[in-house]
Amino acid sequence: MNYSLIKLPLFHFSVCLALTACGSSSPTSVSLQSSHHYASGVQTIESFDQRYGLINSTVVDKYFGELLVRLDPVNKGGGYKVKIVRTEQPIAWSPGGGFICLSTGLIKNLQSESEIAFVLAHEVAHYELNHLGKKNEASVDSFERDADALGLKKISAAGYTPASALSSILRMHTLDTAAVKLATNVHHYPSIQERLRSLSVLIKQIPSQLGIQDRREFQKMRQMMQ
């Protein structure tokens, strides 16, 4: 895979796959302690800050901290740190060191807490599945499918609507179709249709549930994305 894309944020839930994890069930054990991966993550955050700016808000930090705990209650959120990038480009990316970057443009276009939960769970899944340690071009297709599957499992266990996995992917697809085509044809990502089919099969195996209603904190957080 062409990792030079790190300089050009494009649509996808991890378009550059600059990810880190130790492969154990607890992502805090090794992956978030790696000085190399942490330095890579910090460098990416600083680059985003210089290019676009970041949102620094205790309200936003608290919201995503609580959401991470919902998705990983055993590890109390896993030690991940969400950074919000001020750009309309739809970015969801895990650059290493436990950092997860989301953009204001992405958050404004996702319509429910369940959809945001899936995007976040997908990125956490890349860490937990050690995709940085295994990265190669031939594996990208399985990386995305596996992260989708684990992300779906996480949001379902947390009580969110499983179908939000489908709606979040569809919504992102409409935001940046050119980048979707590039990621699919050049960088060997599975097509949107393939991802939706795989997720639909898994969703049918999950008992029906109403899902968590959007909390007041969700609406308050989204208002800060303007």
C-alpha atoms as a PDB file:
ATOM      1  CA  MET A   1       0.000   0.000   0.000  1.00  0.00           C
ATOM      2  CA  ASN A   2       1.194   3.513  -0.763  1.00  0.00           C
ATOM      3  CA  TYR A   3       1.675   5.076   2.659  1.00  0.00           C
ATOM      4  CA  SER A   4       2.549   8.448   1.136  1.00  0.00           C
ATOM      5  CA  LEU A   5      -1.177   9.126   1.470  1.00  0.00           C
ATOM      6  CA  ILE A   6      -0.382  10.202   5.014  1.00  0.00           C
ATOM      7  CA  LYS A   7       0.092  13.678   3.519  1.00  0.00           C
ATOM      8  CA  LEU A   8      -3.359  13.716   1.926  1.00  0.00           C
ATOM      9  CA  PRO A   9      -6.265  12.793   4.212  1.00  0.00           C
ATOM     10  CA  LEU A  10      -8.901  11.012   2.149  1.00  0.00           C
ATOM     11  CA  PHE A  11     -12.154   9.260   2.908  1.00  0.00           C
ATOM     12  CA  HIS A  12     -11.949   5.947   4.599  1.00  0.00           C
ATOM     13  CA  PHE A  13     -12.076   4.678   8.086  1.00  0.00           C
ATOM     14  CA  SER A  14      -8.289   4.242   8.002  1.00  0.00           C
ATOM     15  CA  VAL A  15      -7.179   5.284   4.562  1.00  0.00           C
ATOM     16  CA  CYS A  16      -3.488   5.158   5.406  1.00  0.00           C
ATOM     17  CA  LEU A  17      -3.608   2.326   7.928  1.00  0.00           C
ATOM     18  CA  ALA A  18      -0.813   3.896   9.948  1.00  0.00           C
ATOM     19  CA  LEU A  19      -1.991   1.902  12.933  1.00  0.00           C
ATOM     20  CA  THR A  20      -0.549   0.266  15.992  1.00  0.00           C
ATOM     21  CA  ALA A  21      -1.476  -2.533  18.338  1.00  0.00           C
ATOM     22  CA  CYS A  22       0.102  -5.325  20.271  1.00  0.00           C
ATOM     23  CA  GLY A  23      -2.359  -8.023  19.312  1.00  0.00           C
ATOM     24  CA  SER A  24      -3.470  -8.733  22.864  1.00  0.00           C
ATOM     25  CA  SER A  25      -6.968  -8.235  24.230  1.00  0.00           C
ATOM     26  CA  SER A  26      -5.778  -5.221  26.192  1.00  0.00           C
ATOM     27  CA  PRO A  27      -4.468  -2.475  23.900  1.00  0.00           C
ATOM     28  CA  THR A  28      -2.916  -0.610  26.813  1.00  0.00           C
ATOM     29  CA  SER A  29      -0.335  -3.313  27.510  1.00  0.00           C
ATOM     30  CA  VAL A  30       2.250  -2.704  24.781  1.00  0.00           C
ATOM     31  CA  SER A  31       0.880  -0.838  21.774  1.00  0.00           C
ATOM     32  CA  LEU A  32       0.185   2.444  23.506  1.00  0.00           C
ATOM     33  CA  GLN A  33       3.544   2.285  25.275  1.00  0.00           C
ATOM     34  CA  SER A  34       5.637   1.936  22.090  1.00  0.00           C
ATOM     35  CA  SER A  35       7.834   5.014  21.827  1.00  0.00           C
ATOM     36  CA  HIS A  36       8.122   4.604  18.056  1.00  0.00           C
ATOM     37  CA  HIS A  37       4.377   4.377  17.471  1.00  0.00           C
ATOM     38  CA  TYR A  38       3.659   7.090  20.007  1.00  0.00           C
ATOM     39  CA  ALA A  39       6.129   9.429  18.285  1.00  0.00           C
ATOM     40  CA  SER A  40       4.488   8.688  14.927  1.00  0.00           C
ATOM     41  CA  GLY A  41       1.083   9.496  16.374  1.00  0.00           C
ATOM     42  CA  VAL A  42       2.284  12.726  17.946  1.00  0.00           C
ATOM     43  CA  GLN A  43       3.923  13.792  14.669  1.00  0.00           C
ATOM     44  CA  THR A  44       0.652  13.232  12.813  1.00  0.00           C
ATOM     45  CA  ILE A  45      -1.360  15.178  15.393  1.00  0.00           C
ATOM     46  CA  GLU A  46       1.091  18.080  15.183  1.00  0.00           C
ATOM     47  CA  SER A  47       0.881  18.023  11.383  1.00  0.00           C
ATOM     48  CA  PHE A  48      -2.918  18.141  11.470  1.00  0.00           C
ATOM     49  CA  ASP A  49      -2.790  20.945  14.030  1.00  0.00           C
ATOM     50  CA  GLN A  50      -0.478  23.030  11.860  1.00  0.00           C
ATOM     51  CA  ARG A  51      -2.468  22.409   8.698  1.00  0.00           C
ATOM     52  CA  TYR A  52      -6.043  22.593   9.972  1.00  0.00           C
ATOM     53  CA  GLY A  53      -6.082  23.238  13.708  1.00  0.00           C
ATOM     54  CA  LEU A  54      -7.554  21.050  16.435  1.00  0.00           C
ATOM     55  CA  ILE A  55     -10.579  21.509  18.671  1.00  0.00           C
ATOM     56  CA  ASN A  56      -9.465  21.792  22.267  1.00  0.00           C
ATOM     57  CA  SER A  57     -12.516  21.384  24.473  1.00  0.00           C
ATOM     58  CA  THR A  58     -13.092  19.653  27.789  1.00  0.00           C
ATOM     59  CA  VAL A  59     -16.688  18.970  26.663  1.00  0.00           C
ATOM     60  CA  VAL A  60     -15.530  17.163  23.538  1.00  0.00           C
ATOM     61  CA  ASP A  61     -12.755  15.314  25.386  1.00  0.00           C
ATOM     62  CA  LYS A  62     -15.190  14.159  28.050  1.00  0.00           C
ATOM     63  CA  TYR A  63     -17.752  13.023  25.500  1.00  0.00           C
ATOM     64  CA  PHE A  64     -15.318  10.849  23.544  1.00  0.00           C
ATOM     65  CA  GLY A  65     -13.692   9.569  26.716  1.00  0.00           C
ATOM     66  CA  GLU A  66     -17.082   8.343  27.929  1.00  0.00           C
ATOM     67  CA  LEU A  67     -17.885   6.873  24.513  1.00  0.00           C
ATOM     68  CA  LEU A  68     -14.620   4.916  24.506  1.00  0.00           C
ATOM     69  CA  VAL A  69     -15.464   3.499  27.936  1.00  0.00           C
ATOM     70  CA  ARG A  70     -18.866   2.388  26.625  1.00  0.00           C
ATOM     71  CA  LEU A  71     -17.110   0.568  23.786  1.00  0.00           C
ATOM     72  CA  ASP A  72     -14.442  -0.988  26.010  1.00  0.00           C
ATOM     73  CA  PRO A  73     -15.694  -1.088  29.618  1.00  0.00           C
ATOM     74  CA  VAL A  74     -13.246  -3.815  30.680  1.00  0.00           C
ATOM     75  CA  ASN A  75     -10.216  -1.677  29.818  1.00  0.00           C
ATOM     76  CA  LYS A  76     -11.997   1.576  30.758  1.00  0.00           C
ATOM     77  CA  GLY A  77     -11.645   2.962  27.258  1.00  0.00           C
ATOM     78  CA  GLY A  78      -8.293   1.387  26.436  1.00  0.00           C
ATOM     79  CA  GLY A  79      -6.200   4.535  26.897  1.00  0.00           C
ATOM     80  CA  TYR A  80      -7.057   5.937  23.460  1.00  0.00           C
ATOM     81  CA  LYS A  81      -7.058   9.688  22.810  1.00  0.00           C
ATOM     82  CA  VAL A  82      -9.466  11.220  20.288  1.00  0.00           C
ATOM     83  CA  LYS A  83      -8.294  14.364  18.491  1.00  0.00           C
ATOM     84  CA  ILE A  84     -10.754  16.463  16.486  1.00  0.00           C
ATOM     85  CA  VAL A  85      -9.327  18.044  13.320  1.00  0.00           C
ATOM     86  CA  ARG A  86     -10.902  21.265  11.997  1.00  0.00           C
ATOM     87  CA  THR A  87     -11.578  20.348   8.373  1.00  0.00           C
ATOM     88  CA  GLU A  88     -14.590  19.512   6.236  1.00  0.00           C
ATOM     89  CA  GLN A  89     -12.698  16.547   4.789  1.00  0.00           C
ATOM     90  CA  PRO A  90     -14.152  13.343   6.245  1.00  0.00           C
ATOM     91  CA  ILE A  91     -11.266  11.956   8.271  1.00  0.00           C
ATOM     92  CA  ALA A  92     -11.261   8.964  10.600  1.00  0.00           C
ATOM     93  CA  TRP A  93      -7.745   7.707  11.159  1.00  0.00           C
ATOM     94  CA  SER A  94      -5.591   5.953  13.744  1.00  0.00           C
ATOM     95  CA  PRO A  95      -2.013   7.221  13.249  1.00  0.00           C
ATOM     96  CA  GLY A  96      -0.378   5.281  16.077  1.00  0.00           C
ATOM     97  CA  GLY A  97       0.304   5.628  19.780  1.00  0.00           C
ATOM     98  CA  GLY A  98      -3.348   5.271  20.757  1.00  0.00           C
ATOM     99  CA  PHE A  99      -4.443   8.443  18.952  1.00  0.00           C
ATOM    100  CA  ILE A 100      -7.624   8.501  16.867  1.00  0.00           C
ATOM    101  CA  CYS A 101      -8.239  11.465  14.569  1.00  0.00           C
ATOM    102  CA  LEU A 102     -11.758  12.468  13.576  1.00  0.00           C
ATOM    103  CA  SER A 103     -12.667  15.559  11.594  1.00  0.00           C
ATOM    104  CA  THR A 104     -15.378  18.126  12.209  1.00  0.00           C
ATOM    105  CA  GLY A 105     -16.662  17.418   8.704  1.00  0.00           C
ATOM    106  CA  LEU A 106     -17.098  13.744   9.490  1.00  0.00           C
ATOM    107  CA  ILE A 107     -18.848  14.333  12.801  1.00  0.00           C
ATOM    108  CA  LYS A 108     -21.255  16.897  11.346  1.00  0.00           C
ATOM    109  CA  ASN A 109     -22.362  14.440   8.672  1.00  0.00           C
ATOM    110  CA  LEU A 110     -22.888  11.428  10.918  1.00  0.00           C
ATOM    111  CA  GLN A 111     -26.447  11.627  12.171  1.00  0.00           C
ATOM    112  CA  SER A 112     -26.489   9.631  15.391  1.00  0.00           C
ATOM    113  CA  GLU A 113     -24.349   8.614  18.318  1.00  0.00           C
ATOM    114  CA  SER A 114     -24.581   5.030  17.052  1.00  0.00           C
ATOM    115  CA  GLU A 115     -22.926   6.036  13.779  1.00  0.00           C
ATOM    116  CA  ILE A 116     -20.115   7.864  15.556  1.00  0.00           C
ATOM    117  CA  ALA A 117     -19.732   4.885  17.888  1.00  0.00           C
ATOM    118  CA  PHE A 118     -19.194   2.583  14.903  1.00  0.00           C
ATOM    119  CA  VAL A 119     -16.573   4.845  13.307  1.00  0.00           C
ATOM    120  CA  LEU A 120     -14.724   5.025  16.616  1.00  0.00           C
ATOM    121  CA  ALA A 121     -15.085   1.282  17.250  1.00  0.00           C
ATOM    122  CA  HIS A 122     -13.718   0.541  13.771  1.00  0.00           C
ATOM    123  CA  GLU A 123     -10.586   2.571  14.507  1.00  0.00           C
ATOM    124  CA  VAL A 124     -10.142   0.954  17.922  1.00  0.00           C
ATOM    125  CA  ALA A 125     -10.471  -2.422  16.206  1.00  0.00           C
ATOM    126  CA  HIS A 126      -7.501  -1.662  13.942  1.00  0.00           C
ATOM    127  CA  TYR A 127      -5.394  -1.115  17.052  1.00  0.00           C
ATOM    128  CA  GLU A 128      -6.591  -4.244  18.791  1.00  0.00           C
ATOM    129  CA  LEU A 129      -6.077  -6.379  15.678  1.00  0.00           C
ATOM    130  CA  ASN A 130      -2.441  -5.264  15.300  1.00  0.00           C
ATOM    131  CA  HIS A 131      -2.830  -4.056  11.742  1.00  0.00           C
ATOM    132  CA  LEU A 132       0.309  -1.955  11.790  1.00  0.00           C
ATOM    133  CA  GLY A 133       2.426  -4.942  12.706  1.00  0.00           C
ATOM    134  CA  LYS A 134       0.862  -6.976   9.898  1.00  0.00           C
ATOM    135  CA  LYS A 135       0.486  -4.316   7.221  1.00  0.00           C
ATOM    136  CA  ASN A 136       1.047  -5.203   3.590  1.00  0.00           C
ATOM    137  CA  GLU A 137      -0.896  -4.428   0.469  1.00  0.00           C
ATOM    138  CA  ALA A 138      -2.448  -7.882   0.161  1.00  0.00           C
ATOM    139  CA  SER A 139      -3.914  -7.645   3.667  1.00  0.00           C
ATOM    140  CA  VAL A 140      -5.795  -4.352   3.355  1.00  0.00           C
ATOM    141  CA  ASP A 141      -9.022  -6.021   2.215  1.00  0.00           C
ATOM    142  CA  SER A 142      -9.106  -8.327   5.242  1.00  0.00           C
ATOM    143  CA  PHE A 143      -8.024  -5.485   7.558  1.00  0.00           C
ATOM    144  CA  GLU A 144     -11.134  -3.475   6.738  1.00  0.00           C
ATOM    145  CA  ARG A 145     -13.492  -6.431   6.931  1.00  0.00           C
ATOM    146  CA  ASP A 146     -12.036  -7.558  10.257  1.00  0.00           C
ATOM    147  CA  ALA A 147     -12.165  -4.031  11.703  1.00  0.00           C
ATOM    148  CA  ASP A 148     -15.774  -3.713  10.524  1.00  0.00           C
ATOM    149  CA  ALA A 149     -16.674  -7.010  12.187  1.00  0.00           C
ATOM    150  CA  LEU A 150     -15.010  -6.182  15.500  1.00  0.00           C
ATOM    151  CA  GLY A 151     -16.393  -2.638  15.402  1.00  0.00           C
ATOM    152  CA  LEU A 152     -19.903  -4.056  14.900  1.00  0.00           C
ATOM    153  CA  LYS A 153     -19.385  -6.426  17.813  1.00  0.00           C
ATOM    154  CA  LYS A 154     -18.283  -3.551  20.038  1.00  0.00           C
ATOM    155  CA  ILE A 155     -21.211  -1.241  19.282  1.00  0.00           C
ATOM    156  CA  SER A 156     -23.717  -4.088  19.642  1.00  0.00           C
ATOM    157  CA  ALA A 157     -22.295  -5.084  23.022  1.00  0.00           C
ATOM    158  CA  ALA A 158     -22.452  -1.433  24.097  1.00  0.00           C
ATOM    159  CA  GLY A 159     -26.144  -1.275  23.190  1.00  0.00           C
ATOM    160  CA  TYR A 160     -25.936   0.781  20.001  1.00  0.00           C
ATOM    161  CA  THR A 161     -27.987   0.045  16.887  1.00  0.00           C
ATOM    162  CA  PRO A 162     -26.119  -2.545  14.749  1.00  0.00           C
ATOM    163  CA  ALA A 163     -27.541  -1.124  11.500  1.00  0.00           C
ATOM    164  CA  SER A 164     -25.688   2.125  12.206  1.00  0.00           C
ATOM    165  CA  ALA A 165     -22.580   0.374  10.872  1.00  0.00           C
ATOM    166  CA  LEU A 166     -24.241   0.298   7.441  1.00  0.00           C
ATOM    167  CA  SER A 167     -25.586   3.842   7.555  1.00  0.00           C
ATOM    168  CA  SER A 168     -22.255   5.328   8.667  1.00  0.00           C
ATOM    169  CA  ILE A 169     -20.398   3.660   5.775  1.00  0.00           C
ATOM    170  CA  LEU A 170     -23.045   4.776   3.275  1.00  0.00           C
ATOM    171  CA  ARG A 171     -22.942   8.323   4.605  1.00  0.00           C
ATOM    172  CA  MET A 172     -19.168   8.479   4.315  1.00  0.00           C
ATOM    173  CA  HIS A 173     -19.359   7.073   0.803  1.00  0.00           C
ATOM    174  CA  THR A 174     -21.533   9.966  -0.333  1.00  0.00           C
ATOM    175  CA  LEU A 175     -19.132  12.501   1.193  1.00  0.00           C
ATOM    176  CA  ASP A 176     -16.109  11.620  -0.899  1.00  0.00           C
ATOM    177  CA  THR A 177     -16.756   9.253  -3.798  1.00  0.00           C
ATOM    178  CA  ALA A 178     -13.480  10.141  -5.542  1.00  0.00           C
ATOM    179  CA  ALA A 179     -11.430   9.000  -2.559  1.00  0.00           C
ATOM    180  CA  VAL A 180     -13.536   5.838  -2.279  1.00  0.00           C
ATOM    181  CA  LYS A 181     -12.697   4.993  -5.901  1.00  0.00           C
ATOM    182  CA  LEU A 182      -8.992   5.646  -5.293  1.00  0.00           C
ATOM    183  CA  ALA A 183      -8.911   3.556  -2.127  1.00  0.00           C
ATOM    184  CA  THR A 184     -10.748   0.682  -3.825  1.00  0.00           C
ATOM    185  CA  ASN A 185      -8.946   0.591  -7.187  1.00  0.00           C
ATOM    186  CA  VAL A 186      -5.422   1.661  -6.261  1.00  0.00           C
ATOM    187  CA  HIS A 187      -4.964   0.721  -2.627  1.00  0.00           C
ATOM    188  CA  HIS A 188      -6.898  -2.551  -2.592  1.00  0.00           C
ATOM    189  CA  TYR A 189      -9.614  -1.601  -0.151  1.00  0.00           C
ATOM    190  CA  PRO A 190     -12.784  -3.665  -0.348  1.00  0.00           C
ATOM    191  CA  SER A 191     -15.580  -1.942  -2.218  1.00  0.00           C
ATOM    192  CA  ILE A 192     -18.396  -0.274  -0.319  1.00  0.00           C
ATOM    193  CA  GLN A 193     -20.741  -2.972  -1.618  1.00  0.00           C
ATOM    194  CA  GLU A 194     -18.466  -5.725  -0.303  1.00  0.00           C
ATOM    195  CA  ARG A 195     -18.254  -4.136   3.123  1.00  0.00           C
ATOM    196  CA  LEU A 196     -22.011  -3.649   3.299  1.00  0.00           C
ATOM    197  CA  ARG A 197     -22.670  -7.250   2.269  1.00  0.00           C
ATOM    198  CA  SER A 198     -20.275  -8.623   4.874  1.00  0.00           C
ATOM    199  CA  LEU A 199     -21.735  -6.453   7.624  1.00  0.00           C
ATOM    200  CA  SER A 200     -25.316  -7.292   6.629  1.00  0.00           C
ATOM    201  CA  VAL A 201     -24.619 -11.000   7.098  1.00  0.00           C
ATOM    202  CA  LEU A 202     -23.199 -10.342  10.574  1.00  0.00           C
ATOM    203  CA  ILE A 203     -26.047  -8.008  11.562  1.00  0.00           C
ATOM    204  CA  LYS A 204     -28.620 -10.719  10.797  1.00  0.00           C
ATOM    205  CA  GLN A 205     -26.964 -12.851  13.470  1.00  0.00           C
ATOM    206  CA  ILE A 206     -27.416 -10.186  16.166  1.00  0.00           C
ATOM    207  CA  PRO A 207     -30.656 -10.197  18.197  1.00  0.00           C
ATOM    208  CA  SER A 208     -32.844  -7.214  17.373  1.00  0.00           C
ATOM    209  CA  GLN A 209     -32.340  -4.239  19.684  1.00  0.00           C
ATOM    210  CA  LEU A 210     -33.638  -0.677  19.707  1.00  0.00           C
ATOM    211  CA  GLY A 211     -30.267   0.842  20.481  1.00  0.00           C
ATOM    212  CA  ILE A 212     -29.195   3.730  22.680  1.00  0.00           C
ATOM    213  CA  GLN A 213     -31.001   6.975  21.977  1.00  0.00           C
ATOM    214  CA  ASP A 214     -28.889  10.036  21.248  1.00  0.00           C
ATOM    215  CA  ARG A 215     -27.874  11.600  24.522  1.00  0.00           C
ATOM    216  CA  ARG A 216     -27.904  15.301  25.301  1.00  0.00           C
ATOM    217  CA  GLU A 217     -24.112  15.156  25.414  1.00  0.00           C
ATOM    218  CA  PHE A 218     -24.072  13.971  21.793  1.00  0.00           C
ATOM    219  CA  GLN A 219     -26.043  16.995  20.597  1.00  0.00           C
ATOM    220  CA  LYS A 220     -23.904  19.341  22.677  1.00  0.00           C
ATOM    221  CA  MET A 221     -20.723  17.856  21.241  1.00  0.00           C
ATOM    222  CA  ARG A 222     -21.982  18.143  17.638  1.00  0.00           C
ATOM    223  CA  GLN A 223     -22.849  21.818  18.150  1.00  0.00           C
ATOM    224  CA  MET A 224     -19.178  22.447  18.854  1.00  0.00           C
ATOM    225  CA  MET A 225     -18.229  21.114  15.412  1.00  0.00           C
ATOM    226  CA  GLN A 226     -19.597  24.206  13.619  1.00  0.00           C
END
